[in-house]
Amino acid sequence: MAIVEILDVEQIDVNIYRGGVFSPESGFLQRTFGGHVAGQSLVSAVRTVDPKFQVHSLHGYFLRAGDARSPTVYTVERIRDGGSFCTRRVTAIQHGETIFSMAASFQVDQLGIEHQDPMPGAPPPRDVPDFKAASRIFDHASFRQFEEWDVRLIPRDQLSMREGKVSQQQVWIRHRDPLPEDPVLHICALAYISDLTLLGSAQVNHDEQRQHLMVASLDHAMWFMRAFRADEWLLYDQSSPSACGGRSLTQGKIFNQRGDMVAAVMQEGLTRYPRDFPPDSR
């Protein structure tokens, strides 16, 4: 299914939208992908904002597992409409219960000071195998909805390990086919795919345990700094500064190939042992 269809929502009343349903053949069989509900929430918020405002941040909480076979209703609350900023709160509902809650902030184009951290070193995407070709994981029905994305996980032996980073991962990502010129679509598409690999950065040092972990996104925050295209290569530089108590904190910086930092992400995720997991395996 195309990303334009995945993110699309239907307006059913003032400030109320409804998202489409994935068929079992094209996506998760039971649980909705977190990036799907976050992306549709952002699209719903955008539909209520004057086009002169561009989204610059979102903060969301995954409250319940979504049902991929049922539509999701999004209600938008217009918190604030100011001269420079406006704010929206979106509630995603399935079966009468809230599964996701998000606040999004929008800003008109303005000027100010400029600086950024340098882009870290990484092998070019042409030298990194396509994740779809290199991993059998894409043979599973749960991952077929990502076939339109070129995801290239940089091998551990090619990472430039940086001092002070306990758990690191780098991924090249891009949408395989050209997308329309609409900059909002590129932002929403990046919000969608940003949830796919980030929590993996907390598991790279725990190969023996990761197959036993219960894993799920708990919250997700993004900041958008500069214009970008989701159909051009983006380096997703990821790390996990801490994991404890069955939760892992992860963070990511996203750069285009020119070295511009276009977005930043923070996420906390569940990385918990099952109750019956043997203590000596921990």
Protein backbone atom coordinates (compact mmCIF):
# COMPACT_ATOMS: atom_id res chain seq x y z
CA MET A 1 0.00 0.00 0.00
CA ALA A 2 1.33 3.46 -0.93
CA ILE A 3 2.32 5.87 1.85
CA VAL A 4 -0.21 8.40 0.54
CA GLU A 5 -2.98 5.84 1.16
CA ILE A 6 -1.52 4.73 4.49
CA LEU A 7 -1.54 8.26 5.87
CA ASP A 8 -4.82 9.42 4.37
CA VAL A 9 -7.77 10.19 6.64
CA GLU A 10 -11.40 10.93 5.83
CA GLN A 11 -13.15 13.89 7.45
CA ILE A 12 -16.42 12.71 9.00
CA ASP A 13 -17.28 15.87 10.97
CA VAL A 14 -15.71 19.11 12.14
CA ASN A 15 -12.40 18.17 13.84
CA ILE A 16 -13.15 14.43 13.46
CA TYR A 17 -11.35 12.14 11.01
CA ARG A 18 -11.23 8.43 10.29
CA GLY A 19 -8.24 6.42 9.11
CA GLY A 20 -8.30 3.44 6.80
CA VAL A 21 -7.79 -0.21 7.66
CA PHE A 22 -4.87 -2.39 6.65
CA SER A 23 -5.79 -5.75 5.20
CA PRO A 24 -4.15 -8.74 6.94
CA GLU A 25 -2.07 -9.36 3.80
CA SER A 26 -0.47 -5.92 3.79
CA GLY A 27 0.38 -5.14 7.38
CA PHE A 28 0.37 -6.29 10.97
CA LEU A 29 -2.18 -9.04 11.52
CA GLN A 30 -3.28 -7.83 14.94
CA ARG A 31 -1.48 -4.75 16.26
CA THR A 32 -1.34 -1.46 14.41
CA PHE A 33 2.17 -0.19 13.63
CA GLY A 34 2.87 2.77 15.93
CA GLY A 35 4.11 4.95 13.09
CA HIS A 36 0.80 4.41 11.28
CA VAL A 37 -1.35 5.84 14.05
CA ALA A 38 1.17 8.62 14.75
CA GLY A 39 1.31 9.56 11.07
CA GLN A 40 -2.47 9.63 10.69
CA SER A 41 -2.78 11.65 13.89
CA LEU A 42 -0.40 14.22 12.46
CA VAL A 43 -2.29 14.32 9.16
CA SER A 44 -5.52 14.93 11.09
CA ALA A 45 -3.93 17.81 12.98
CA VAL A 46 -2.56 19.32 9.77
CA ARG A 47 -6.04 19.32 8.22
CA THR A 48 -7.18 21.83 10.88
CA VAL A 49 -4.26 24.28 10.51
CA ASP A 50 -3.78 27.19 8.10
CA PRO A 51 -1.19 26.17 5.45
CA LYS A 52 1.09 29.06 6.46
CA PHE A 53 1.89 27.06 9.63
CA GLN A 54 4.32 24.14 9.37
CA VAL A 55 4.62 21.41 11.98
CA HIS A 56 7.82 21.68 14.01
CA SER A 57 7.22 19.15 16.80
CA LEU A 58 5.00 16.35 18.04
CA HIS A 59 4.76 14.47 21.30
CA GLY A 60 2.73 11.27 21.46
CA TYR A 61 1.89 8.47 23.89
CA PHE A 62 0.96 4.95 22.85
CA LEU A 63 -1.70 4.02 25.40
CA ARG A 64 -3.16 0.75 24.06
CA ALA A 65 -2.33 -1.66 21.28
CA GLY A 66 -4.19 -0.73 18.10
CA ASP A 67 -6.28 -3.20 16.10
CA ALA A 68 -5.01 -3.17 12.50
CA ARG A 69 -8.28 -4.66 11.26
CA SER A 70 -10.45 -1.82 12.61
CA PRO A 71 -10.66 1.85 11.55
CA THR A 72 -9.29 4.53 13.86
CA VAL A 73 -11.17 7.73 14.64
CA TYR A 74 -9.12 10.87 15.29
CA THR A 75 -10.56 13.81 17.21
CA VAL A 76 -8.65 17.10 17.01
CA GLU A 77 -8.76 19.75 19.74
CA ARG A 78 -7.72 23.25 18.68
CA ILE A 79 -5.71 24.23 21.75
CA ARG A 80 -4.26 27.50 20.50
CA ASP A 81 -4.17 29.64 17.35
CA GLY A 82 -1.60 32.42 17.70
CA GLY A 83 0.24 34.71 15.35
CA SER A 84 3.44 32.64 15.26
CA PHE A 85 2.46 29.28 16.73
CA CYS A 86 -0.61 27.08 16.93
CA THR A 87 -1.17 23.85 18.86
CA ARG A 88 -3.37 20.83 18.33
CA ARG A 89 -4.17 17.84 20.50
CA VAL A 90 -5.22 14.62 18.74
CA THR A 91 -6.88 11.59 20.32
CA ALA A 92 -6.94 8.30 18.41
CA ILE A 93 -9.88 6.07 19.31
CA GLN A 94 -10.73 2.44 18.56
CA HIS A 95 -13.61 0.44 20.02
CA GLY A 96 -14.49 3.38 22.27
CA GLU A 97 -11.03 3.58 23.89
CA THR A 98 -8.09 5.91 23.39
CA ILE A 99 -5.13 4.09 21.89
CA PHE A 100 -2.88 7.11 21.21
CA SER A 101 -2.68 10.73 22.29
CA MET A 102 -0.57 13.38 20.61
CA ALA A 103 0.14 17.09 20.83
CA ALA A 104 1.53 18.84 17.75
CA SER A 105 2.90 22.36 17.45
CA PHE A 106 3.03 24.46 14.27
CA GLN A 107 4.98 27.63 13.44
CA VAL A 108 5.05 30.16 10.63
CA ASP A 109 8.35 30.57 8.80
CA GLN A 110 10.68 32.76 10.88
CA LEU A 111 14.39 33.64 11.12
CA GLY A 112 16.79 33.25 14.05
CA ILE A 113 20.22 31.97 15.03
CA GLU A 114 21.49 28.82 13.30
CA HIS A 115 23.82 25.97 14.29
CA GLN A 116 23.78 22.16 14.42
CA ASP A 117 25.84 19.15 15.47
CA PRO A 118 27.90 17.75 12.59
CA MET A 119 26.65 14.70 10.76
CA PRO A 120 28.46 11.57 12.03
CA GLY A 121 30.52 9.46 9.66
CA ALA A 122 28.75 6.61 7.91
CA PRO A 123 29.33 4.47 4.81
CA PRO A 124 27.27 5.70 1.84
CA PRO A 125 23.94 3.92 1.29
CA ARG A 126 25.16 2.33 -1.96
CA ASP A 127 27.70 0.36 0.13
CA VAL A 128 25.10 -0.93 2.61
CA PRO A 129 22.85 -3.89 1.71
CA ASP A 130 19.13 -3.29 1.35
CA PHE A 131 17.48 -4.52 4.56
CA LYS A 132 14.78 -6.24 2.51
CA ALA A 133 17.38 -8.20 0.56
CA ALA A 134 19.70 -8.81 3.50
CA SER A 135 17.15 -9.94 6.08
CA ARG A 136 14.52 -12.64 6.05
CA ILE A 137 12.41 -10.47 8.35
CA PHE A 138 10.73 -8.92 5.29
CA ASP A 139 9.38 -12.33 4.31
CA HIS A 140 7.01 -12.04 7.27
CA ALA A 141 3.57 -10.57 6.52
CA SER A 142 4.03 -8.07 9.36
CA PHE A 143 6.71 -6.22 7.37
CA ARG A 144 5.28 -6.25 3.87
CA GLN A 145 3.72 -2.83 4.43
CA PHE A 146 7.25 -1.40 4.47
CA GLU A 147 8.24 -2.73 1.05
CA GLU A 148 8.00 0.74 -0.47
CA TRP A 149 10.78 1.91 1.89
CA ASP A 150 14.47 1.31 1.24
CA VAL A 151 15.88 0.59 4.69
CA ARG A 152 19.62 -0.07 5.01
CA LEU A 153 20.94 -1.02 8.44
CA ILE A 154 24.66 -0.26 8.65
CA PRO A 155 26.55 -3.39 9.78
CA ARG A 156 28.13 -3.25 13.22
CA ASP A 157 31.63 -3.66 11.82
CA GLN A 158 31.14 -0.52 9.66
CA LEU A 159 29.92 1.74 12.46
CA SER A 160 32.16 4.56 13.64
CA MET A 161 31.73 3.93 17.36
CA ARG A 162 31.82 7.18 19.32
CA GLU A 163 33.12 7.60 22.84
CA GLY A 164 30.37 8.11 25.40
CA LYS A 165 27.70 6.27 23.37
CA VAL A 166 26.87 2.97 25.05
CA SER A 167 24.47 1.61 22.40
CA GLN A 168 24.59 2.82 18.79
CA GLN A 169 22.91 2.06 15.48
CA GLN A 170 22.74 3.77 12.08
CA VAL A 171 20.18 3.31 9.31
CA TRP A 172 19.83 4.82 5.84
CA ILE A 173 16.19 5.28 4.85
CA ARG A 174 14.26 6.64 1.88
CA HIS A 175 10.95 6.09 0.16
CA ARG A 176 11.67 4.01 -2.95
CA ASP A 177 9.35 5.92 -5.32
CA PRO A 178 9.17 9.69 -5.88
CA LEU A 179 6.63 11.42 -3.67
CA PRO A 180 4.52 14.51 -4.48
CA GLU A 181 6.03 17.92 -3.78
CA ASP A 182 3.81 18.53 -0.72
CA PRO A 183 6.27 19.16 2.18
CA VAL A 184 3.65 18.12 4.74
CA LEU A 185 3.48 14.66 3.17
CA HIS A 186 7.25 14.26 3.56
CA ILE A 187 7.04 15.24 7.24
CA CYS A 188 4.18 12.83 7.90
CA ALA A 189 5.97 10.07 5.97
CA LEU A 190 9.08 10.54 8.11
CA ALA A 191 6.98 10.49 11.28
CA TYR A 192 5.53 7.20 10.04
CA ILE A 193 8.82 5.42 9.30
CA SER A 194 10.75 6.91 12.25
CA ASP A 195 9.16 4.33 14.57
CA LEU A 196 10.37 1.29 12.62
CA THR A 197 13.98 0.85 13.77
CA LEU A 198 14.61 3.26 16.66
CA LEU A 199 13.88 0.88 19.51
CA GLY A 200 16.33 -1.56 17.96
CA SER A 201 19.16 0.75 19.00
CA ALA A 202 18.53 -0.33 22.60
CA GLN A 203 18.90 -4.02 21.75
CA VAL A 204 22.10 -4.14 19.71
CA ASN A 205 24.23 -5.00 22.76
CA HIS A 206 21.84 -7.75 23.91
CA ASP A 207 21.77 -10.24 21.04
CA GLU A 208 21.11 -13.28 23.23
CA GLN A 209 18.22 -11.66 25.12
CA ARG A 210 16.52 -9.64 22.37
CA GLN A 211 14.63 -12.57 20.89
CA HIS A 212 12.95 -13.06 24.28
CA LEU A 213 12.05 -9.43 24.99
CA MET A 214 8.55 -7.99 24.99
CA VAL A 215 9.01 -4.86 22.84
CA ALA A 216 6.63 -1.96 22.18
CA SER A 217 6.79 1.81 21.74
CA LEU A 218 5.56 3.74 24.80
CA ASP A 219 5.95 7.31 23.60
CA HIS A 220 7.39 9.18 20.63
CA ALA A 221 8.56 12.76 20.17
CA MET A 222 9.87 14.46 17.03
CA TRP A 223 11.24 17.87 16.11
CA PHE A 224 11.53 19.02 12.50
CA MET A 225 14.28 21.58 11.88
CA ARG A 226 14.80 21.90 8.14
CA ALA A 227 13.03 21.03 4.92
CA PHE A 228 13.77 17.57 3.48
CA ARG A 229 12.44 14.93 1.14
CA ALA A 230 11.50 11.49 2.42
CA ASP A 231 12.21 10.04 -1.05
CA GLU A 232 15.90 11.03 -0.79
CA TRP A 233 18.45 9.27 1.40
CA LEU A 234 18.34 10.20 5.09
CA LEU A 235 20.81 8.97 7.70
CA TYR A 236 19.03 7.97 10.92
CA ASP A 237 21.75 8.08 13.60
CA GLN A 238 20.38 6.26 16.65
CA SER A 239 21.51 5.58 20.19
CA SER A 240 20.16 4.40 23.53
CA PRO A 241 21.65 6.20 26.54
CA SER A 242 19.86 4.06 29.14
CA ALA A 243 17.86 0.87 29.64
CA CYS A 244 16.46 -0.29 32.98
CA GLY A 245 13.22 -1.28 34.68
CA GLY A 246 11.89 -2.96 31.54
CA ARG A 247 12.10 0.29 29.54
CA SER A 248 14.69 1.73 27.16
CA LEU A 249 15.29 5.35 26.23
CA THR A 250 16.29 5.88 22.61
CA GLN A 251 17.16 8.93 20.53
CA GLY A 252 17.86 9.67 16.91
CA LYS A 253 19.19 12.47 14.73
CA ILE A 254 18.21 12.49 11.06
CA PHE A 255 20.48 14.02 8.40
CA ASN A 256 20.21 14.44 4.64
CA GLN A 257 23.20 13.55 2.46
CA ARG A 258 24.40 17.16 2.48
CA GLY A 259 24.90 16.88 6.23
CA ASP A 260 21.90 19.01 7.24
CA MET A 261 20.18 17.86 10.41
CA VAL A 262 16.51 17.77 9.40
CA ALA A 263 14.84 16.11 12.40
CA ALA A 264 15.39 14.68 15.87
CA VAL A 265 13.54 11.90 17.66
CA MET A 266 13.21 10.66 21.24
CA GLN A 267 11.38 7.51 22.22
CA GLU A 268 10.92 5.36 25.29
CA GLY A 269 10.00 1.77 24.65
CA LEU A 270 9.11 -1.38 26.50
CA THR A 271 12.02 -3.85 26.55
CA ARG A 272 10.82 -6.21 29.24
CA TYR A 273 11.58 -9.83 30.02
CA PRO A 274 8.57 -12.16 30.07
CA ARG A 275 7.52 -13.17 33.57
CA ASP A 276 8.64 -16.75 32.96
CA PHE A 277 12.03 -15.78 31.50
CA PRO A 278 14.76 -17.73 33.39
CA PRO A 279 16.70 -15.45 35.80
CA ASP A 280 20.03 -17.02 34.78
CA SER A 281 19.40 -15.91 31.15
CA ARG A 282 19.34 -12.25 32.15
